[in-house]
Amino acid sequence: MKIEVWSDFVCPFCYIGKRRLEHALENFENKDKVVVEYKSYQLDPNAKHIPGKDFYETFSELKGIPLEQVKTMNQQVGEQAKAVGLTYHFDTMKYANTFDAHRVAKYAEEKGKAKEITERFLHAYFTESKLMSDFETLISLAGEVGLDKEEVRDILESNRYARAVREDINVARQIGVQGVPFFVFNEKYAVSGAQPEEVFTQVLNQVWEEEREKPILQSLNPSKSETSYCTDEGCNIEK
């Protein structure tokens, strides 16, 4: 089973949804046959870090929401994060553009480190209040998961992997993604949002059973047509 996950490193529910899916997978009988692929998405392509302004102030101004309402909303999100073992520090979080972080993640994927860099970047932003648009921060975090720091520096100082990031974002638009996290199972079953763990468990079991019962491809051959084909045992003409 393949699970594609569209998410952003500054999306609080993406981290929560990721952890809930992981918890569901831990108890899934066929977890060893599941591959999770992370796809790029930007909640705010125009995001910019403004020194001197904290996350609450920036978010309040951008969204036109009163400051106290923003704090209340994020407190509720923080409680959901805590329920799955995560710690969010909204007071010191730094609003940032994530495009370059996604480029580094594409490089990490190429090197077999997609899982590691995704977890590291999310933890860095939500728990450690790292500035995810800062090159030195991204280079350091990439080095922690075993990536070549000089190679990452070269990537950041160029435009490499930008096309791969944009392709993920374009595919998201094409399939109707309007928010993240967004999960696609075997390229045809979609789950949107940070659903409860039991929902992921139900989906995993349902998709597994349905895929086992149905062939991957449905035949469109007319029932009474003549057809010719070859196998490793020889060639046949069927009527």
C-alpha atoms as a PDB file:
ATOM      1  CA  MET A   1       0.000   0.000   0.000  1.00  0.00           C
ATOM      2  CA  LYS A   2       1.251   3.474  -0.839  1.00  0.00           C
ATOM      3  CA  ILE A   3       0.199   6.514   1.174  1.00  0.00           C
ATOM      4  CA  GLU A   4       0.967   9.948  -0.250  1.00  0.00           C
ATOM      5  CA  VAL A   5       0.831  12.792   2.251  1.00  0.00           C
ATOM      6  CA  TRP A   6       0.608  16.433   1.207  1.00  0.00           C
ATOM      7  CA  SER A   7       1.709  18.670   4.069  1.00  0.00           C
ATOM      8  CA  ASP A   8       3.602  21.804   5.059  1.00  0.00           C
ATOM      9  CA  PHE A   9       6.253  22.128   7.750  1.00  0.00           C
ATOM     10  CA  VAL A  10       4.425  25.026   9.415  1.00  0.00           C
ATOM     11  CA  CYS A  11       1.016  23.343   9.407  1.00  0.00           C
ATOM     12  CA  PRO A  12       0.086  22.390  13.000  1.00  0.00           C
ATOM     13  CA  PHE A  13      -2.484  19.807  11.962  1.00  0.00           C
ATOM     14  CA  CYS A  14      -0.010  18.218   9.518  1.00  0.00           C
ATOM     15  CA  TYR A  15       2.226  17.196  12.417  1.00  0.00           C
ATOM     16  CA  ILE A  16      -0.769  16.007  14.439  1.00  0.00           C
ATOM     17  CA  GLY A  17      -2.149  14.075  11.448  1.00  0.00           C
ATOM     18  CA  LYS A  18       1.247  12.548  10.772  1.00  0.00           C
ATOM     19  CA  ARG A  19       1.479  11.274  14.333  1.00  0.00           C
ATOM     20  CA  ARG A  20      -2.065   9.887  14.312  1.00  0.00           C
ATOM     21  CA  LEU A  21      -1.377   8.004  11.081  1.00  0.00           C
ATOM     22  CA  GLU A  22       1.852   6.639  12.563  1.00  0.00           C
ATOM     23  CA  HIS A  23       0.017   5.436  15.662  1.00  0.00           C
ATOM     24  CA  ALA A  24      -2.557   3.691  13.464  1.00  0.00           C
ATOM     25  CA  LEU A  25       0.209   2.084  11.410  1.00  0.00           C
ATOM     26  CA  GLU A  26       1.906   0.746  14.539  1.00  0.00           C
ATOM     27  CA  ASN A  27      -1.087  -1.526  15.122  1.00  0.00           C
ATOM     28  CA  PHE A  28      -1.737  -2.318  11.466  1.00  0.00           C
ATOM     29  CA  GLU A  29      -1.065  -5.972  10.724  1.00  0.00           C
ATOM     30  CA  ASN A  30       0.404  -5.259   7.287  1.00  0.00           C
ATOM     31  CA  LYS A  31       2.440  -2.184   8.208  1.00  0.00           C
ATOM     32  CA  ASP A  32       5.592  -3.689   6.672  1.00  0.00           C
ATOM     33  CA  LYS A  33       3.898  -3.488   3.267  1.00  0.00           C
ATOM     34  CA  VAL A  34       3.032   0.203   3.563  1.00  0.00           C
ATOM     35  CA  VAL A  35       5.129   2.959   1.981  1.00  0.00           C
ATOM     36  CA  VAL A  36       4.556   6.575   3.002  1.00  0.00           C
ATOM     37  CA  GLU A  37       5.567   9.315   0.567  1.00  0.00           C
ATOM     38  CA  TYR A  38       5.652  12.968   1.607  1.00  0.00           C
ATOM     39  CA  LYS A  39       4.525  15.620  -0.878  1.00  0.00           C
ATOM     40  CA  SER A  40       5.210  19.356  -0.785  1.00  0.00           C
ATOM     41  CA  TYR A  41       2.527  21.935  -0.106  1.00  0.00           C
ATOM     42  CA  GLN A  42       2.624  25.584   0.974  1.00  0.00           C
ATOM     43  CA  LEU A  43      -0.112  27.054   3.117  1.00  0.00           C
ATOM     44  CA  ASP A  44       1.200  30.550   2.430  1.00  0.00           C
ATOM     45  CA  PRO A  45       3.499  30.823  -0.608  1.00  0.00           C
ATOM     46  CA  ASN A  46       4.029  34.514   0.223  1.00  0.00           C
ATOM     47  CA  ALA A  47       4.930  33.959   3.862  1.00  0.00           C
ATOM     48  CA  LYS A  48       7.792  36.047   5.183  1.00  0.00           C
ATOM     49  CA  HIS A  49       9.501  36.200   8.540  1.00  0.00           C
ATOM     50  CA  ILE A  50       9.257  39.644  10.117  1.00  0.00           C
ATOM     51  CA  PRO A  51      11.932  40.132  12.811  1.00  0.00           C
ATOM     52  CA  GLY A  52      10.546  41.622  15.997  1.00  0.00           C
ATOM     53  CA  LYS A  53       7.039  40.251  15.507  1.00  0.00           C
ATOM     54  CA  ASP A  54       5.984  37.036  17.172  1.00  0.00           C
ATOM     55  CA  PHE A  55       3.823  34.349  15.577  1.00  0.00           C
ATOM     56  CA  TYR A  56       0.598  35.595  17.171  1.00  0.00           C
ATOM     57  CA  GLU A  57       1.047  39.153  15.916  1.00  0.00           C
ATOM     58  CA  THR A  58       2.005  38.079  12.405  1.00  0.00           C
ATOM     59  CA  PHE A  59      -0.865  35.607  12.090  1.00  0.00           C
ATOM     60  CA  SER A  60      -3.346  38.110  13.516  1.00  0.00           C
ATOM     61  CA  GLU A  61      -2.375  40.768  10.976  1.00  0.00           C
ATOM     62  CA  LEU A  62      -2.283  38.399   8.011  1.00  0.00           C
ATOM     63  CA  LYS A  63      -5.649  36.783   8.728  1.00  0.00           C
ATOM     64  CA  GLY A  64      -7.414  39.813  10.185  1.00  0.00           C
ATOM     65  CA  ILE A  65      -8.245  37.905  13.371  1.00  0.00           C
ATOM     66  CA  PRO A  66      -8.082  39.573  16.821  1.00  0.00           C
ATOM     67  CA  LEU A  67      -4.916  38.718  18.720  1.00  0.00           C
ATOM     68  CA  GLU A  68      -6.701  37.124  21.673  1.00  0.00           C
ATOM     69  CA  GLN A  69      -8.741  34.936  19.323  1.00  0.00           C
ATOM     70  CA  VAL A  70      -5.550  33.759  17.638  1.00  0.00           C
ATOM     71  CA  LYS A  71      -4.070  32.820  21.016  1.00  0.00           C
ATOM     72  CA  THR A  72      -7.221  30.919  22.001  1.00  0.00           C
ATOM     73  CA  MET A  73      -7.307  29.041  18.694  1.00  0.00           C
ATOM     74  CA  ASN A  74      -3.687  28.001  18.977  1.00  0.00           C
ATOM     75  CA  GLN A  75      -4.097  26.951  22.581  1.00  0.00           C
ATOM     76  CA  GLN A  76      -6.770  24.505  21.435  1.00  0.00           C
ATOM     77  CA  VAL A  77      -4.473  23.199  18.698  1.00  0.00           C
ATOM     78  CA  GLY A  78      -1.720  22.803  21.268  1.00  0.00           C
ATOM     79  CA  GLU A  79      -3.989  20.610  23.375  1.00  0.00           C
ATOM     80  CA  GLN A  80      -4.615  18.327  20.390  1.00  0.00           C
ATOM     81  CA  ALA A  81      -0.865  18.132  19.800  1.00  0.00           C
ATOM     82  CA  LYS A  82      -0.255  17.220  23.430  1.00  0.00           C
ATOM     83  CA  ALA A  83      -2.776  14.380  23.145  1.00  0.00           C
ATOM     84  CA  VAL A  84      -0.543  12.643  20.584  1.00  0.00           C
ATOM     85  CA  GLY A  85       2.702  13.331  22.428  1.00  0.00           C
ATOM     86  CA  LEU A  86       3.751  16.567  20.715  1.00  0.00           C
ATOM     87  CA  THR A  87       4.755  19.863  22.279  1.00  0.00           C
ATOM     88  CA  TYR A  88       3.961  23.123  20.477  1.00  0.00           C
ATOM     89  CA  HIS A  89       5.515  26.438  21.535  1.00  0.00           C
ATOM     90  CA  PHE A  90       3.397  29.062  19.790  1.00  0.00           C
ATOM     91  CA  ASP A  91       4.836  31.821  22.000  1.00  0.00           C
ATOM     92  CA  THR A  92       8.260  31.509  20.377  1.00  0.00           C
ATOM     93  CA  MET A  93       7.310  30.095  16.966  1.00  0.00           C
ATOM     94  CA  LYS A  94       8.674  31.989  13.952  1.00  0.00           C
ATOM     95  CA  TYR A  95       6.400  32.563  10.951  1.00  0.00           C
ATOM     96  CA  ALA A  96       8.370  31.646   7.826  1.00  0.00           C
ATOM     97  CA  ASN A  97       8.295  30.678   4.160  1.00  0.00           C
ATOM     98  CA  THR A  98       8.852  26.940   3.664  1.00  0.00           C
ATOM     99  CA  PHE A  99       9.704  26.696  -0.034  1.00  0.00           C
ATOM    100  CA  ASP A 100      13.425  26.171   0.566  1.00  0.00           C
ATOM    101  CA  ALA A 101      12.726  23.643   3.319  1.00  0.00           C
ATOM    102  CA  HIS A 102      10.650  21.675   0.826  1.00  0.00           C
ATOM    103  CA  ARG A 103      13.544  21.789  -1.658  1.00  0.00           C
ATOM    104  CA  VAL A 104      15.848  20.290   0.967  1.00  0.00           C
ATOM    105  CA  ALA A 105      13.208  17.651   1.713  1.00  0.00           C
ATOM    106  CA  LYS A 106      13.185  16.659  -1.966  1.00  0.00           C
ATOM    107  CA  TYR A 107      16.930  16.152  -1.819  1.00  0.00           C
ATOM    108  CA  ALA A 108      16.482  14.128   1.376  1.00  0.00           C
ATOM    109  CA  GLU A 109      13.912  11.952  -0.376  1.00  0.00           C
ATOM    110  CA  GLU A 110      16.420  11.257  -3.144  1.00  0.00           C
ATOM    111  CA  LYS A 111      18.897  10.135  -0.479  1.00  0.00           C
ATOM    112  CA  GLY A 112      16.391   7.903   1.316  1.00  0.00           C
ATOM    113  CA  LYS A 113      15.932  10.333   4.221  1.00  0.00           C
ATOM    114  CA  ALA A 114      12.433  11.697   3.561  1.00  0.00           C
ATOM    115  CA  LYS A 115      10.968  10.264   6.757  1.00  0.00           C
ATOM    116  CA  GLU A 116      13.821  11.593   8.882  1.00  0.00           C
ATOM    117  CA  ILE A 117      13.891  15.111   7.445  1.00  0.00           C
ATOM    118  CA  THR A 118      10.109  15.477   7.626  1.00  0.00           C
ATOM    119  CA  GLU A 119      10.052  14.619  11.316  1.00  0.00           C
ATOM    120  CA  ARG A 120      13.115  16.758  12.030  1.00  0.00           C
ATOM    121  CA  PHE A 121      11.737  19.837  10.277  1.00  0.00           C
ATOM    122  CA  LEU A 122       8.334  19.584  11.962  1.00  0.00           C
ATOM    123  CA  HIS A 123       9.879  19.153  15.396  1.00  0.00           C
ATOM    124  CA  ALA A 124      12.290  22.019  14.744  1.00  0.00           C
ATOM    125  CA  TYR A 125       9.477  24.406  13.892  1.00  0.00           C
ATOM    126  CA  PHE A 126       6.810  23.491  16.424  1.00  0.00           C
ATOM    127  CA  THR A 127       8.895  22.428  19.413  1.00  0.00           C
ATOM    128  CA  GLU A 128      12.231  24.186  19.009  1.00  0.00           C
ATOM    129  CA  SER A 129      10.974  27.409  17.362  1.00  0.00           C
ATOM    130  CA  LYS A 130      13.538  27.252  14.552  1.00  0.00           C
ATOM    131  CA  LEU A 131      13.308  29.707  11.668  1.00  0.00           C
ATOM    132  CA  MET A 132      12.539  27.380   8.756  1.00  0.00           C
ATOM    133  CA  SER A 133      13.471  29.907   6.057  1.00  0.00           C
ATOM    134  CA  ASP A 134      16.995  30.410   7.387  1.00  0.00           C
ATOM    135  CA  PHE A 135      19.639  28.643   5.285  1.00  0.00           C
ATOM    136  CA  GLU A 136      22.028  27.934   8.164  1.00  0.00           C
ATOM    137  CA  THR A 137      19.177  26.406  10.172  1.00  0.00           C
ATOM    138  CA  LEU A 138      18.148  24.135   7.295  1.00  0.00           C
ATOM    139  CA  ILE A 139      21.751  23.089   6.672  1.00  0.00           C
ATOM    140  CA  SER A 140      22.265  22.225  10.331  1.00  0.00           C
ATOM    141  CA  LEU A 141      19.023  20.242  10.583  1.00  0.00           C
ATOM    142  CA  ALA A 142      19.818  18.348   7.376  1.00  0.00           C
ATOM    143  CA  GLY A 143      23.221  17.430   8.762  1.00  0.00           C
ATOM    144  CA  GLU A 144      21.567  16.011  11.876  1.00  0.00           C
ATOM    145  CA  VAL A 145      19.735  13.386   9.806  1.00  0.00           C
ATOM    146  CA  GLY A 146      22.866  12.402   7.914  1.00  0.00           C
ATOM    147  CA  LEU A 147      22.701  14.573   4.801  1.00  0.00           C
ATOM    148  CA  ASP A 148      25.765  16.211   3.294  1.00  0.00           C
ATOM    149  CA  LYS A 149      25.738  19.760   4.668  1.00  0.00           C
ATOM    150  CA  GLU A 150      27.807  21.230   1.852  1.00  0.00           C
ATOM    151  CA  GLU A 151      25.528  19.633  -0.721  1.00  0.00           C
ATOM    152  CA  VAL A 152      22.528  21.125   1.070  1.00  0.00           C
ATOM    153  CA  ARG A 153      24.227  24.524   1.049  1.00  0.00           C
ATOM    154  CA  ASP A 154      24.783  24.225  -2.714  1.00  0.00           C
ATOM    155  CA  ILE A 155      21.120  23.315  -3.192  1.00  0.00           C
ATOM    156  CA  LEU A 156      19.909  26.294  -1.169  1.00  0.00           C
ATOM    157  CA  GLU A 157      22.158  28.693  -3.046  1.00  0.00           C
ATOM    158  CA  SER A 158      20.772  27.439  -6.360  1.00  0.00           C
ATOM    159  CA  ASN A 159      17.311  26.668  -7.692  1.00  0.00           C
ATOM    160  CA  ARG A 160      17.653  22.898  -7.502  1.00  0.00           C
ATOM    161  CA  TYR A 161      14.553  20.838  -6.640  1.00  0.00           C
ATOM    162  CA  ALA A 162      12.293  23.872  -7.112  1.00  0.00           C
ATOM    163  CA  ARG A 163      10.556  22.167 -10.020  1.00  0.00           C
ATOM    164  CA  ALA A 164       9.894  19.024  -7.945  1.00  0.00           C
ATOM    165  CA  VAL A 165       8.296  21.112  -5.190  1.00  0.00           C
ATOM    166  CA  ARG A 166       6.099  22.984  -7.669  1.00  0.00           C
ATOM    167  CA  GLU A 167       5.064  19.723  -9.318  1.00  0.00           C
ATOM    168  CA  ASP A 168       3.756  18.416  -5.982  1.00  0.00           C
ATOM    169  CA  ILE A 169       1.830  21.637  -5.433  1.00  0.00           C
ATOM    170  CA  ASN A 170       0.387  21.505  -8.963  1.00  0.00           C
ATOM    171  CA  VAL A 171      -0.720  17.889  -8.522  1.00  0.00           C
ATOM    172  CA  ALA A 172      -2.420  18.902  -5.282  1.00  0.00           C
ATOM    173  CA  ARG A 173      -4.419  21.521  -7.185  1.00  0.00           C
ATOM    174  CA  GLN A 174      -5.309  19.029  -9.916  1.00  0.00           C
ATOM    175  CA  ILE A 175      -6.712  16.467  -7.479  1.00  0.00           C
ATOM    176  CA  GLY A 176      -8.634  19.080  -5.528  1.00  0.00           C
ATOM    177  CA  VAL A 177      -6.564  19.501  -2.381  1.00  0.00           C
ATOM    178  CA  GLN A 178      -7.889  22.565  -0.578  1.00  0.00           C
ATOM    179  CA  GLY A 179      -6.123  22.081   2.717  1.00  0.00           C
ATOM    180  CA  VAL A 180      -3.523  19.938   4.429  1.00  0.00           C
ATOM    181  CA  PRO A 181      -2.783  17.386   5.661  1.00  0.00           C
ATOM    182  CA  PHE A 182      -4.198  15.429   2.737  1.00  0.00           C
ATOM    183  CA  PHE A 183      -3.674  11.666   2.475  1.00  0.00           C
ATOM    184  CA  VAL A 184      -4.070   9.588  -0.679  1.00  0.00           C
ATOM    185  CA  PHE A 185      -4.101   5.796  -0.357  1.00  0.00           C
ATOM    186  CA  ASN A 186      -3.054   3.782  -3.426  1.00  0.00           C
ATOM    187  CA  GLU A 187      -3.663   6.801  -5.662  1.00  0.00           C
ATOM    188  CA  LYS A 188      -7.454   6.547  -5.390  1.00  0.00           C
ATOM    189  CA  TYR A 189      -8.672   6.810  -1.789  1.00  0.00           C
ATOM    190  CA  ALA A 190      -8.475  10.248  -0.164  1.00  0.00           C
ATOM    191  CA  VAL A 191      -8.589  11.334   3.465  1.00  0.00           C
ATOM    192  CA  SER A 192      -8.462  15.035   4.270  1.00  0.00           C
ATOM    193  CA  GLY A 193      -7.439  16.572   7.559  1.00  0.00           C
ATOM    194  CA  ALA A 194      -5.894  15.272  10.774  1.00  0.00           C
ATOM    195  CA  GLN A 195      -8.477  12.567  11.321  1.00  0.00           C
ATOM    196  CA  PRO A 196      -8.654  10.645  14.624  1.00  0.00           C
ATOM    197  CA  GLU A 197      -6.437   7.580  14.893  1.00  0.00           C
ATOM    198  CA  GLU A 198      -9.421   5.241  14.674  1.00  0.00           C
ATOM    199  CA  VAL A 199     -10.360   6.738  11.310  1.00  0.00           C
ATOM    200  CA  PHE A 200      -6.907   6.013   9.939  1.00  0.00           C
ATOM    201  CA  THR A 201      -7.134   2.482  11.322  1.00  0.00           C
ATOM    202  CA  GLN A 202     -10.468   1.978   9.592  1.00  0.00           C
ATOM    203  CA  VAL A 203      -9.160   3.365   6.302  1.00  0.00           C
ATOM    204  CA  LEU A 204      -6.029   1.215   6.399  1.00  0.00           C
ATOM    205  CA  ASN A 205      -8.064  -1.954   6.903  1.00  0.00           C
ATOM    206  CA  GLN A 206     -10.702  -0.990   4.350  1.00  0.00           C
ATOM    207  CA  VAL A 207      -8.222  -0.094   1.613  1.00  0.00           C
ATOM    208  CA  TRP A 208      -6.186  -3.221   2.276  1.00  0.00           C
ATOM    209  CA  GLU A 209      -9.218  -5.484   1.993  1.00  0.00           C
ATOM    210  CA  GLU A 210     -10.646  -3.773  -1.081  1.00  0.00           C
ATOM    211  CA  GLU A 211      -7.320  -3.837  -2.893  1.00  0.00           C
ATOM    212  CA  ARG A 212      -6.902  -7.530  -2.113  1.00  0.00           C
ATOM    213  CA  GLU A 213     -10.354  -8.385  -3.431  1.00  0.00           C
ATOM    214  CA  LYS A 214     -10.130  -6.345  -6.626  1.00  0.00           C
ATOM    215  CA  PRO A 215      -7.505  -6.626  -9.339  1.00  0.00           C
ATOM    216  CA  ILE A 216      -5.367  -3.518  -9.734  1.00  0.00           C
ATOM    217  CA  LEU A 217      -6.633  -3.072 -13.301  1.00  0.00           C
ATOM    218  CA  GLN A 218     -10.205  -3.635 -14.415  1.00  0.00           C
ATOM    219  CA  SER A 219     -10.501  -5.362 -17.785  1.00  0.00           C
ATOM    220  CA  LEU A 220     -12.420  -3.510 -20.482  1.00  0.00           C
ATOM    221  CA  ASN A 221     -12.240  -6.333 -23.022  1.00  0.00           C
ATOM    222  CA  PRO A 222     -15.700  -7.045 -24.525  1.00  0.00           C
ATOM    223  CA  SER A 223     -17.001 -10.305 -23.118  1.00  0.00           C
ATOM    224  CA  LYS A 224     -17.381 -12.083 -26.472  1.00  0.00           C
ATOM    225  CA  SER A 225     -14.363 -10.700 -28.303  1.00  0.00           C
ATOM    226  CA  GLU A 226     -11.505 -12.743 -29.736  1.00  0.00           C
ATOM    227  CA  THR A 227      -8.156 -11.951 -28.170  1.00  0.00           C
ATOM    228  CA  SER A 228      -4.572 -13.120 -28.539  1.00  0.00           C
ATOM    229  CA  TYR A 229      -1.867 -13.088 -25.920  1.00  0.00           C
ATOM    230  CA  CYS A 230       1.349 -14.758 -24.813  1.00  0.00           C
ATOM    231  CA  THR A 231       2.506 -15.958 -21.417  1.00  0.00           C
ATOM    232  CA  ASP A 232       5.631 -17.747 -20.244  1.00  0.00           C
ATOM    233  CA  GLU A 233       3.856 -20.991 -21.191  1.00  0.00           C
ATOM    234  CA  GLY A 234       3.182 -20.013 -24.796  1.00  0.00           C
ATOM    235  CA  CYS A 235       0.772 -18.041 -26.979  1.00  0.00           C
ATOM    236  CA  ASN A 236      -2.989 -18.482 -27.239  1.00  0.00           C
ATOM    237  CA  ILE A 237      -6.013 -17.294 -29.170  1.00  0.00           C
ATOM    238  CA  GLU A 238      -9.167 -17.203 -27.089  1.00  0.00           C
ATOM    239  CA  LYS A 239     -12.698 -16.848 -28.401  1.00  0.00           C
END
